[in-house]
C-alpha cells in the first residue's frame, strides 16, 4: 500500500517478524553460545 494508506497493524506485522524476530533470534543465539562457553556464527 502507498505510505498514507499503510495501517499500523500492517506495519507492526512486518516489524514483528522481520525485525523483532531477527533480534530475538540473534539474542537467543548469543545466549546459547554463552551457555556453551563457545563462539559461533550467525
ModelCIF file with pLDDT and N, C-alpha, C, O atoms, coordinates in Angstrom:
data_MODEL
#
_entry.id   MODEL 
#
_entity.id                         1 
_entity.type                       polymer 
_entity.pdbx_number_of_molecules   1 
#
_entity_poly.entity_id                      1 
_entity_poly.type                           'polypeptide(L)' 
_entity_poly.nstd_linkage                   no 
_entity_poly.nstd_monomer                   no 
_entity_poly.pdbx_seq_one_letter_code       
;(UNK)(UNK)(UNK)(UNK)(UNK)(UNK)(UNK)(UNK)(UNK)(UNK)(UNK)(UNK)(UNK)(UNK)(UNK)(UNK)
(UNK)(UNK)(UNK)(UNK)(UNK)(UNK)(UNK)(UNK)(UNK)(UNK)(UNK)(UNK)(UNK)(UNK)(UNK)(UNK)
(UNK)(UNK)(UNK)(UNK)(UNK)(UNK)(UNK)(UNK)(UNK)(UNK)
;
_entity_poly.pdbx_seq_one_letter_code_can   XXXXXXXXXXXXXXXXXXXXXXXXXXXXXXXXXXXXXXXXXX 
_entity_poly.pdbx_strand_id                 A 
#
loop_
_entity_poly_seq.entity_id 
_entity_poly_seq.num 
_entity_poly_seq.mon_id 
_entity_poly_seq.hetero 
1 1  UNK n 
1 2  UNK n 
1 3  UNK n 
1 4  UNK n 
1 5  UNK n 
1 6  UNK n 
1 7  UNK n 
1 8  UNK n 
1 9  UNK n 
1 10 UNK n 
1 11 UNK n 
1 12 UNK n 
1 13 UNK n 
1 14 UNK n 
1 15 UNK n 
1 16 UNK n 
1 17 UNK n 
1 18 UNK n 
1 19 UNK n 
1 20 UNK n 
1 21 UNK n 
1 22 UNK n 
1 23 UNK n 
1 24 UNK n 
1 25 UNK n 
1 26 UNK n 
1 27 UNK n 
1 28 UNK n 
1 29 UNK n 
1 30 UNK n 
1 31 UNK n 
1 32 UNK n 
1 33 UNK n 
1 34 UNK n 
1 35 UNK n 
1 36 UNK n 
1 37 UNK n 
1 38 UNK n 
1 39 UNK n 
1 40 UNK n 
1 41 UNK n 
1 42 UNK n 
#
_struct_asym.id          A 
_struct_asym.entity_id   1 
#
loop_
_ma_qa_metric.id 
_ma_qa_metric.mode 
_ma_qa_metric.name 
_ma_qa_metric.software_group_id 
_ma_qa_metric.type 
1 global pLDDT . pLDDT 
2 local  pLDDT . pLDDT 
#
_ma_qa_metric_global.metric_id      1 
_ma_qa_metric_global.metric_value   97.45 
_ma_qa_metric_global.model_id       1 
_ma_qa_metric_global.ordinal_id     1 
#
loop_
_ma_qa_metric_local.label_asym_id 
_ma_qa_metric_local.label_comp_id 
_ma_qa_metric_local.label_seq_id 
_ma_qa_metric_local.metric_id 
_ma_qa_metric_local.metric_value 
_ma_qa_metric_local.model_id 
_ma_qa_metric_local.ordinal_id 
A UNK 1  2 94.00 1 1  
A UNK 2  2 93.00 1 2  
A UNK 3  2 95.00 1 3  
A UNK 4  2 94.00 1 4  
A UNK 5  2 96.00 1 5  
A UNK 6  2 97.00 1 6  
A UNK 7  2 98.00 1 7  
A UNK 8  2 98.00 1 8  
A UNK 9  2 98.00 1 9  
A UNK 10 2 98.00 1 10 
A UNK 11 2 98.00 1 11 
A UNK 12 2 98.00 1 12 
A UNK 13 2 98.00 1 13 
A UNK 14 2 98.00 1 14 
A UNK 15 2 98.00 1 15 
A UNK 16 2 98.00 1 16 
A UNK 17 2 98.00 1 17 
A UNK 18 2 98.00 1 18 
A UNK 19 2 98.00 1 19 
A UNK 20 2 98.00 1 20 
A UNK 21 2 98.00 1 21 
A UNK 22 2 98.00 1 22 
A UNK 23 2 98.00 1 23 
A UNK 24 2 98.00 1 24 
A UNK 25 2 98.00 1 25 
A UNK 26 2 98.00 1 26 
A UNK 27 2 98.00 1 27 
A UNK 28 2 98.00 1 28 
A UNK 29 2 98.00 1 29 
A UNK 30 2 98.00 1 30 
A UNK 31 2 98.00 1 31 
A UNK 32 2 98.00 1 32 
A UNK 33 2 98.00 1 33 
A UNK 34 2 98.00 1 34 
A UNK 35 2 97.00 1 35 
A UNK 36 2 97.00 1 36 
A UNK 37 2 97.00 1 37 
A UNK 38 2 97.00 1 38 
A UNK 39 2 97.00 1 39 
A UNK 40 2 98.00 1 40 
A UNK 41 2 98.00 1 41 
A UNK 42 2 99.00 1 42 
#
loop_
_atom_site.group_PDB 
_atom_site.id 
_atom_site.type_symbol 
_atom_site.label_atom_id 
_atom_site.label_alt_id 
_atom_site.label_comp_id 
_atom_site.label_asym_id 
_atom_site.label_entity_id 
_atom_site.label_seq_id 
_atom_site.pdbx_PDB_ins_code 
_atom_site.Cartn_x 
_atom_site.Cartn_y 
_atom_site.Cartn_z 
_atom_site.occupancy 
_atom_site.B_iso_or_equiv 
_atom_site.pdbx_formal_charge 
_atom_site.auth_seq_id 
_atom_site.auth_comp_id 
_atom_site.auth_asym_id 
_atom_site.auth_atom_id 
_atom_site.pdbx_PDB_model_num 
ATOM 1   N N  . UNK A 1 1  ? 0.835  -1.211  0.000  1.00 94.00 ? 1  UNK A N  1 
ATOM 2   C CA . UNK A 1 1  ? 0.000  0.000   0.000  1.00 94.00 ? 1  UNK A CA 1 
ATOM 3   C C  . UNK A 1 1  ? 0.870  1.260   0.000  1.00 94.00 ? 1  UNK A C  1 
ATOM 4   O O  . UNK A 1 1  ? 1.973  1.248   0.545  1.00 94.00 ? 1  UNK A O  1 
ATOM 5   N N  . UNK A 1 2  ? 0.378  2.353   -0.611 1.00 93.00 ? 2  UNK A N  1 
ATOM 6   C CA . UNK A 1 2  ? 1.109  3.621   -0.537 1.00 93.00 ? 2  UNK A CA 1 
ATOM 7   C C  . UNK A 1 2  ? 1.248  4.074   0.917  1.00 93.00 ? 2  UNK A C  1 
ATOM 8   O O  . UNK A 1 2  ? 0.424  3.729   1.764  1.00 93.00 ? 2  UNK A O  1 
ATOM 9   N N  . UNK A 1 3  ? 2.277  4.835   1.193  1.00 95.00 ? 3  UNK A N  1 
ATOM 10  C CA . UNK A 1 3  ? 2.594  5.233   2.569  1.00 95.00 ? 3  UNK A CA 1 
ATOM 11  C C  . UNK A 1 3  ? 1.383  5.765   3.347  1.00 95.00 ? 3  UNK A C  1 
ATOM 12  O O  . UNK A 1 3  ? 1.161  5.319   4.473  1.00 95.00 ? 3  UNK A O  1 
ATOM 13  N N  . UNK A 1 4  ? 0.590  6.695   2.801  1.00 94.00 ? 4  UNK A N  1 
ATOM 14  C CA . UNK A 1 4  ? -0.516 7.231   3.602  1.00 94.00 ? 4  UNK A CA 1 
ATOM 15  C C  . UNK A 1 4  ? -1.588 6.196   3.957  1.00 94.00 ? 4  UNK A C  1 
ATOM 16  O O  . UNK A 1 4  ? -2.376 6.404   4.879  1.00 94.00 ? 4  UNK A O  1 
ATOM 17  N N  . UNK A 1 5  ? -1.611 5.072   3.213  1.00 96.00 ? 5  UNK A N  1 
ATOM 18  C CA . UNK A 1 5  ? -2.667 4.087   3.405  1.00 96.00 ? 5  UNK A CA 1 
ATOM 19  C C  . UNK A 1 5  ? -2.234 2.874   4.227  1.00 96.00 ? 5  UNK A C  1 
ATOM 20  O O  . UNK A 1 5  ? -3.033 1.965   4.450  1.00 96.00 ? 5  UNK A O  1 
ATOM 21  N N  . UNK A 1 6  ? -0.987 2.851   4.677  1.00 97.00 ? 6  UNK A N  1 
ATOM 22  C CA . UNK A 1 6  ? -0.499 1.716   5.462  1.00 97.00 ? 6  UNK A CA 1 
ATOM 23  C C  . UNK A 1 6  ? -1.069 1.804   6.877  1.00 97.00 ? 6  UNK A C  1 
ATOM 24  O O  . UNK A 1 6  ? -0.913 2.815   7.562  1.00 97.00 ? 6  UNK A O  1 
ATOM 25  N N  . UNK A 1 7  ? -1.723 0.740   7.296  1.00 98.00 ? 7  UNK A N  1 
ATOM 26  C CA . UNK A 1 7  ? -2.274 0.721   8.650  1.00 98.00 ? 7  UNK A CA 1 
ATOM 27  C C  . UNK A 1 7  ? -1.178 0.370   9.649  1.00 98.00 ? 7  UNK A C  1 
ATOM 28  O O  . UNK A 1 7  ? -0.164 -0.235  9.301  1.00 98.00 ? 7  UNK A O  1 
ATOM 29  N N  . UNK A 1 8  ? -1.409 0.764   10.898 1.00 98.00 ? 8  UNK A N  1 
ATOM 30  C CA . UNK A 1 8  ? -0.448 0.449   11.945 1.00 98.00 ? 8  UNK A CA 1 
ATOM 31  C C  . UNK A 1 8  ? -0.332 -1.067  12.132 1.00 98.00 ? 8  UNK A C  1 
ATOM 32  O O  . UNK A 1 8  ? 0.753  -1.582  12.403 1.00 98.00 ? 8  UNK A O  1 
ATOM 33  N N  . UNK A 1 9  ? -1.442 -1.768  11.987 1.00 98.00 ? 9  UNK A N  1 
ATOM 34  C CA . UNK A 1 9  ? -1.405 -3.226  12.112 1.00 98.00 ? 9  UNK A CA 1 
ATOM 35  C C  . UNK A 1 9  ? -0.526 -3.849  11.031 1.00 98.00 ? 9  UNK A C  1 
ATOM 36  O O  . UNK A 1 9  ? 0.234  -4.778  11.302 1.00 98.00 ? 9  UNK A O  1 
ATOM 37  N N  . UNK A 1 10 ? -0.631 -3.333  9.798  1.00 98.00 ? 10 UNK A N  1 
ATOM 38  C CA . UNK A 1 10 ? 0.198  -3.853  8.704  1.00 98.00 ? 10 UNK A CA 1 
ATOM 39  C C  . UNK A 1 10 ? 1.676  -3.577  8.965  1.00 98.00 ? 10 UNK A C  1 
ATOM 40  O O  . UNK A 1 10 ? 2.530  -4.431  8.723  1.00 98.00 ? 10 UNK A O  1 
ATOM 41  N N  . UNK A 1 11 ? 1.966  -2.374  9.460  1.00 98.00 ? 11 UNK A N  1 
ATOM 42  C CA . UNK A 1 11 ? 3.345  -2.016  9.785  1.00 98.00 ? 11 UNK A CA 1 
ATOM 43  C C  . UNK A 1 11 ? 3.893  -2.907  10.891 1.00 98.00 ? 11 UNK A C  1 
ATOM 44  O O  . UNK A 1 11 ? 4.999  -3.437  10.782 1.00 98.00 ? 11 UNK A O  1 
ATOM 45  N N  . UNK A 1 12 ? 3.114  -3.069  11.954 1.00 98.00 ? 12 UNK A N  1 
ATOM 46  C CA . UNK A 1 12 ? 3.564  -3.857  13.103 1.00 98.00 ? 12 UNK A CA 1 
ATOM 47  C C  . UNK A 1 12 ? 3.776  -5.318  12.738 1.00 98.00 ? 12 UNK A C  1 
ATOM 48  O O  . UNK A 1 12 ? 4.695  -5.961  13.245 1.00 98.00 ? 12 UNK A O  1 
ATOM 49  N N  . UNK A 1 13 ? 2.929  -5.843  11.861 1.00 98.00 ? 13 UNK A N  1 
ATOM 50  C CA . UNK A 1 13 ? 3.063  -7.244  11.474 1.00 98.00 ? 13 UNK A CA 1 
ATOM 51  C C  . UNK A 1 13 ? 4.424  -7.509  10.844 1.00 98.00 ? 13 UNK A C  1 
ATOM 52  O O  . UNK A 1 13 ? 5.088  -8.491  11.175 1.00 98.00 ? 13 UNK A O  1 
ATOM 53  N N  . UNK A 1 14 ? 4.835  -6.633  9.939  1.00 98.00 ? 14 UNK A N  1 
ATOM 54  C CA . UNK A 1 14 ? 6.129  -6.811  9.279  1.00 98.00 ? 14 UNK A CA 1 
ATOM 55  C C  . UNK A 1 14 ? 7.279  -6.600  10.264 1.00 98.00 ? 14 UNK A C  1 
ATOM 56  O O  . UNK A 1 14 ? 8.234  -7.376  10.274 1.00 98.00 ? 14 UNK A O  1 
ATOM 57  N N  . UNK A 1 15 ? 7.197  -5.574  11.078 1.00 98.00 ? 15 UNK A N  1 
ATOM 58  C CA . UNK A 1 15 ? 8.266  -5.312  12.027 1.00 98.00 ? 15 UNK A CA 1 
ATOM 59  C C  . UNK A 1 15 ? 8.391  -6.431  13.053 1.00 98.00 ? 15 UNK A C  1 
ATOM 60  O O  . UNK A 1 15 ? 9.500  -6.763  13.472 1.00 98.00 ? 15 UNK A O  1 
ATOM 61  N N  . UNK A 1 16 ? 7.271  -7.015  13.461 1.00 98.00 ? 16 UNK A N  1 
ATOM 62  C CA . UNK A 1 16 ? 7.308  -8.091  14.445 1.00 98.00 ? 16 UNK A CA 1 
ATOM 63  C C  . UNK A 1 16 ? 8.068  -9.307  13.922 1.00 98.00 ? 16 UNK A C  1 
ATOM 64  O O  . UNK A 1 16 ? 8.849  -9.917  14.654 1.00 98.00 ? 16 UNK A O  1 
ATOM 65  N N  . UNK A 1 17 ? 7.841  -9.657  12.668 1.00 98.00 ? 17 UNK A N  1 
ATOM 66  C CA . UNK A 1 17 ? 8.514  -10.829 12.107 1.00 98.00 ? 17 UNK A CA 1 
ATOM 67  C C  . UNK A 1 17 ? 9.939  -10.493 11.682 1.00 98.00 ? 17 UNK A C  1 
ATOM 68  O O  . UNK A 1 17 ? 10.883 -11.181 12.067 1.00 98.00 ? 17 UNK A O  1 
ATOM 69  N N  . UNK A 1 18 ? 10.093 -9.443  10.894 1.00 98.00 ? 18 UNK A N  1 
ATOM 70  C CA . UNK A 1 18 ? 11.378 -9.173  10.255 1.00 98.00 ? 18 UNK A CA 1 
ATOM 71  C C  . UNK A 1 18 ? 12.418 -8.567  11.195 1.00 98.00 ? 18 UNK A C  1 
ATOM 72  O O  . UNK A 1 18 ? 13.599 -8.904  11.109 1.00 98.00 ? 18 UNK A O  1 
ATOM 73  N N  . UNK A 1 19 ? 11.993 -7.681  12.085 1.00 98.00 ? 19 UNK A N  1 
ATOM 74  C CA . UNK A 1 19 ? 12.959 -7.027  12.970 1.00 98.00 ? 19 UNK A CA 1 
ATOM 75  C C  . UNK A 1 19 ? 12.945 -7.636  14.367 1.00 98.00 ? 19 UNK A C  1 
ATOM 76  O O  . UNK A 1 19 ? 13.987 -8.060  14.866 1.00 98.00 ? 19 UNK A O  1 
ATOM 77  N N  . UNK A 1 20 ? 11.788 -7.685  14.996 1.00 98.00 ? 20 UNK A N  1 
ATOM 78  C CA . UNK A 1 20 ? 11.705 -8.307  16.318 1.00 98.00 ? 20 UNK A CA 1 
ATOM 79  C C  . UNK A 1 20 ? 12.182 -9.757  16.246 1.00 98.00 ? 20 UNK A C  1 
ATOM 80  O O  . UNK A 1 20 ? 12.936 -10.211 17.105 1.00 98.00 ? 20 UNK A O  1 
ATOM 81  N N  . UNK A 1 21 ? 11.730 -10.492 15.200 1.00 98.00 ? 21 UNK A N  1 
ATOM 82  C CA . UNK A 1 21 ? 12.137 -11.882 15.057 1.00 98.00 ? 21 UNK A CA 1 
ATOM 83  C C  . UNK A 1 21 ? 13.635 -12.027 14.878 1.00 98.00 ? 21 UNK A C  1 
ATOM 84  O O  . UNK A 1 21 ? 14.242 -12.948 15.424 1.00 98.00 ? 21 UNK A O  1 
ATOM 85  N N  . UNK A 1 22 ? 14.238 -11.118 14.112 1.00 98.00 ? 22 UNK A N  1 
ATOM 86  C CA . UNK A 1 22 ? 15.694 -11.167 13.928 1.00 98.00 ? 22 UNK A CA 1 
ATOM 87  C C  . UNK A 1 22 ? 16.419 -10.870 15.231 1.00 98.00 ? 22 UNK A C  1 
ATOM 88  O O  . UNK A 1 22 ? 17.386 -11.548 15.576 1.00 98.00 ? 22 UNK A O  1 
ATOM 89  N N  . UNK A 1 23 ? 15.955 -9.861  15.950 1.00 98.00 ? 23 UNK A N  1 
ATOM 90  C CA . UNK A 1 23 ? 16.569 -9.538  17.242 1.00 98.00 ? 23 UNK A CA 1 
ATOM 91  C C  . UNK A 1 23 ? 16.470 -10.722 18.208 1.00 98.00 ? 23 UNK A C  1 
ATOM 92  O O  . UNK A 1 23 ? 17.455 -11.094 18.847 1.00 98.00 ? 23 UNK A O  1 
ATOM 93  N N  . UNK A 1 24 ? 15.284 -11.304 18.306 1.00 98.00 ? 24 UNK A N  1 
ATOM 94  C CA . UNK A 1 24 ? 15.110 -12.425 19.226 1.00 98.00 ? 24 UNK A CA 1 
ATOM 95  C C  . UNK A 1 24 ? 15.999 -13.603 18.836 1.00 98.00 ? 24 UNK A C  1 
ATOM 96  O O  . UNK A 1 24 ? 16.570 -14.269 19.699 1.00 98.00 ? 24 UNK A O  1 
ATOM 97  N N  . UNK A 1 25 ? 16.114 -13.856 17.532 1.00 98.00 ? 25 UNK A N  1 
ATOM 98  C CA . UNK A 1 25 ? 16.949 -14.959 17.073 1.00 98.00 ? 25 UNK A CA 1 
ATOM 99  C C  . UNK A 1 25 ? 18.425 -14.733 17.364 1.00 98.00 ? 25 UNK A C  1 
ATOM 100 O O  . UNK A 1 25 ? 19.120 -15.641 17.821 1.00 98.00 ? 25 UNK A O  1 
ATOM 101 N N  . UNK A 1 26 ? 18.902 -13.524 17.101 1.00 98.00 ? 26 UNK A N  1 
ATOM 102 C CA . UNK A 1 26 ? 20.300 -13.204 17.378 1.00 98.00 ? 26 UNK A CA 1 
ATOM 103 C C  . UNK A 1 26 ? 20.564 -13.263 18.878 1.00 98.00 ? 26 UNK A C  1 
ATOM 104 O O  . UNK A 1 26 ? 21.564 -13.832 19.316 1.00 98.00 ? 26 UNK A O  1 
ATOM 105 N N  . UNK A 1 27 ? 19.673 -12.676 19.658 1.00 98.00 ? 27 UNK A N  1 
ATOM 106 C CA . UNK A 1 27 ? 19.863 -12.688 21.114 1.00 98.00 ? 27 UNK A CA 1 
ATOM 107 C C  . UNK A 1 27 ? 19.880 -14.111 21.661 1.00 98.00 ? 27 UNK A C  1 
ATOM 108 O O  . UNK A 1 27 ? 20.703 -14.446 22.513 1.00 98.00 ? 27 UNK A O  1 
ATOM 109 N N  . UNK A 1 28 ? 18.965 -14.948 21.167 1.00 98.00 ? 28 UNK A N  1 
ATOM 110 C CA . UNK A 1 28 ? 18.901 -16.328 21.644 1.00 98.00 ? 28 UNK A CA 1 
ATOM 111 C C  . UNK A 1 28 ? 20.171 -17.090 21.296 1.00 98.00 ? 28 UNK A C  1 
ATOM 112 O O  . UNK A 1 28 ? 20.651 -17.897 22.093 1.00 98.00 ? 28 UNK A O  1 
ATOM 113 N N  . UNK A 1 29 ? 20.722 -16.838 20.105 1.00 98.00 ? 29 UNK A N  1 
ATOM 114 C CA . UNK A 1 29 ? 21.973 -17.495 19.724 1.00 98.00 ? 29 UNK A CA 1 
ATOM 115 C C  . UNK A 1 29 ? 23.111 -17.055 20.645 1.00 98.00 ? 29 UNK A C  1 
ATOM 116 O O  . UNK A 1 29 ? 23.907 -17.884 21.088 1.00 98.00 ? 29 UNK A O  1 
ATOM 117 N N  . UNK A 1 30 ? 23.190 -15.763 20.931 1.00 98.00 ? 30 UNK A N  1 
ATOM 118 C CA . UNK A 1 30 ? 24.224 -15.269 21.843 1.00 98.00 ? 30 UNK A CA 1 
ATOM 119 C C  . UNK A 1 30 ? 24.088 -15.917 23.224 1.00 98.00 ? 30 UNK A C  1 
ATOM 120 O O  . UNK A 1 30 ? 25.085 -16.284 23.846 1.00 98.00 ? 30 UNK A O  1 
ATOM 121 N N  . UNK A 1 31 ? 22.863 -16.050 23.687 1.00 98.00 ? 31 UNK A N  1 
ATOM 122 C CA . UNK A 1 31 ? 22.654 -16.677 24.996 1.00 98.00 ? 31 UNK A CA 1 
ATOM 123 C C  . UNK A 1 31 ? 23.080 -18.139 24.984 1.00 98.00 ? 31 UNK A C  1 
ATOM 124 O O  . UNK A 1 31 ? 23.676 -18.629 25.944 1.00 98.00 ? 31 UNK A O  1 
ATOM 125 N N  . UNK A 1 32 ? 22.772 -18.829 23.897 1.00 98.00 ? 32 UNK A N  1 
ATOM 126 C CA . UNK A 1 32 ? 23.162 -20.234 23.792 1.00 98.00 ? 32 UNK A CA 1 
ATOM 127 C C  . UNK A 1 32 ? 24.670 -20.383 23.709 1.00 98.00 ? 32 UNK A C  1 
ATOM 128 O O  . UNK A 1 32 ? 25.243 -21.264 24.350 1.00 98.00 ? 32 UNK A O  1 
ATOM 129 N N  . UNK A 1 33 ? 25.316 -19.531 22.928 1.00 98.00 ? 33 UNK A N  1 
ATOM 130 C CA . UNK A 1 33 ? 26.779 -19.593 22.833 1.00 98.00 ? 33 UNK A CA 1 
ATOM 131 C C  . UNK A 1 33 ? 27.408 -19.323 24.203 1.00 98.00 ? 33 UNK A C  1 
ATOM 132 O O  . UNK A 1 33 ? 28.392 -19.963 24.574 1.00 98.00 ? 33 UNK A O  1 
ATOM 133 N N  . UNK A 1 34 ? 26.840 -18.378 24.950 1.00 98.00 ? 34 UNK A N  1 
ATOM 134 C CA . UNK A 1 34 ? 27.361 -18.089 26.293 1.00 98.00 ? 34 UNK A CA 1 
ATOM 135 C C  . UNK A 1 34 ? 27.199 -19.295 27.209 1.00 98.00 ? 34 UNK A C  1 
ATOM 136 O O  . UNK A 1 34 ? 28.110 -19.636 27.963 1.00 98.00 ? 34 UNK A O  1 
ATOM 137 N N  . UNK A 1 35 ? 26.045 -19.937 27.143 1.00 97.00 ? 35 UNK A N  1 
ATOM 138 C CA . UNK A 1 35 ? 25.802 -21.106 27.975 1.00 97.00 ? 35 UNK A CA 1 
ATOM 139 C C  . UNK A 1 35 ? 26.764 -22.236 27.639 1.00 97.00 ? 35 UNK A C  1 
ATOM 140 O O  . UNK A 1 35 ? 27.220 -22.958 28.525 1.00 97.00 ? 35 UNK A O  1 
ATOM 141 N N  . UNK A 1 36 ? 27.071 -22.384 26.347 1.00 97.00 ? 36 UNK A N  1 
ATOM 142 C CA . UNK A 1 36 ? 28.008 -23.416 25.900 1.00 97.00 ? 36 UNK A CA 1 
ATOM 143 C C  . UNK A 1 36 ? 29.457 -23.064 26.194 1.00 97.00 ? 36 UNK A C  1 
ATOM 144 O O  . UNK A 1 36 ? 30.324 -23.938 26.219 1.00 97.00 ? 36 UNK A O  1 
ATOM 145 N N  . UNK A 1 37 ? 29.718 -21.771 26.417 1.00 97.00 ? 37 UNK A N  1 
ATOM 146 C CA . UNK A 1 37 ? 31.090 -21.310 26.555 1.00 97.00 ? 37 UNK A CA 1 
ATOM 147 C C  . UNK A 1 37 ? 31.839 -21.365 25.244 1.00 97.00 ? 37 UNK A C  1 
ATOM 148 O O  . UNK A 1 37 ? 33.028 -21.681 25.201 1.00 97.00 ? 37 UNK A O  1 
ATOM 149 N N  . UNK A 1 38 ? 31.124 -21.052 24.169 1.00 97.00 ? 38 UNK A N  1 
ATOM 150 C CA . UNK A 1 38 ? 31.719 -21.181 22.838 1.00 97.00 ? 38 UNK A CA 1 
ATOM 151 C C  . UNK A 1 38 ? 31.481 -19.923 22.009 1.00 97.00 ? 38 UNK A C  1 
ATOM 152 O O  . UNK A 1 38 ? 30.692 -19.052 22.375 1.00 97.00 ? 38 UNK A O  1 
ATOM 153 N N  . UNK A 1 39 ? 32.183 -19.854 20.889 1.00 97.00 ? 39 UNK A N  1 
ATOM 154 C CA . UNK A 1 39 ? 31.864 -18.879 19.868 1.00 97.00 ? 39 UNK A CA 1 
ATOM 155 C C  . UNK A 1 39 ? 30.823 -19.463 18.941 1.00 97.00 ? 39 UNK A C  1 
ATOM 156 O O  . UNK A 1 39 ? 30.216 -20.492 19.238 1.00 97.00 ? 39 UNK A O  1 
ATOM 157 N N  . UNK A 1 40 ? 30.620 -18.801 17.816 1.00 98.00 ? 40 UNK A N  1 
ATOM 158 C CA . UNK A 1 40 ? 29.642 -19.289 16.854 1.00 98.00 ? 40 UNK A CA 1 
ATOM 159 C C  . UNK A 1 40 ? 29.554 -18.336 15.678 1.00 98.00 ? 40 UNK A C  1 
ATOM 160 O O  . UNK A 1 40 ? 30.270 -17.336 15.621 1.00 98.00 ? 40 UNK A O  1 
ATOM 161 N N  . UNK A 1 41 ? 28.683 -18.646 14.753 1.00 98.00 ? 41 UNK A N  1 
ATOM 162 C CA . UNK A 1 41 ? 28.494 -17.798 13.573 1.00 98.00 ? 41 UNK A CA 1 
ATOM 163 C C  . UNK A 1 41 ? 27.008 -17.628 13.299 1.00 98.00 ? 41 UNK A C  1 
ATOM 164 O O  . UNK A 1 41 ? 26.221 -18.569 13.405 1.00 98.00 ? 41 UNK A O  1 
ATOM 165 N N  . UNK A 1 42 ? 26.653 -16.407 12.947 1.00 99.00 ? 42 UNK A N  1 
ATOM 166 C CA . UNK A 1 42 ? 25.267 -16.047 12.653 1.00 99.00 ? 42 UNK A CA 1 
ATOM 167 C C  . UNK A 1 42 ? 25.236 -15.345 11.304 1.00 99.00 ? 42 UNK A C  1 
ATOM 168 O O  . UNK A 1 42 ? 24.168 -14.945 10.841 1.00 99.00 ? 42 UNK A O  1 
#
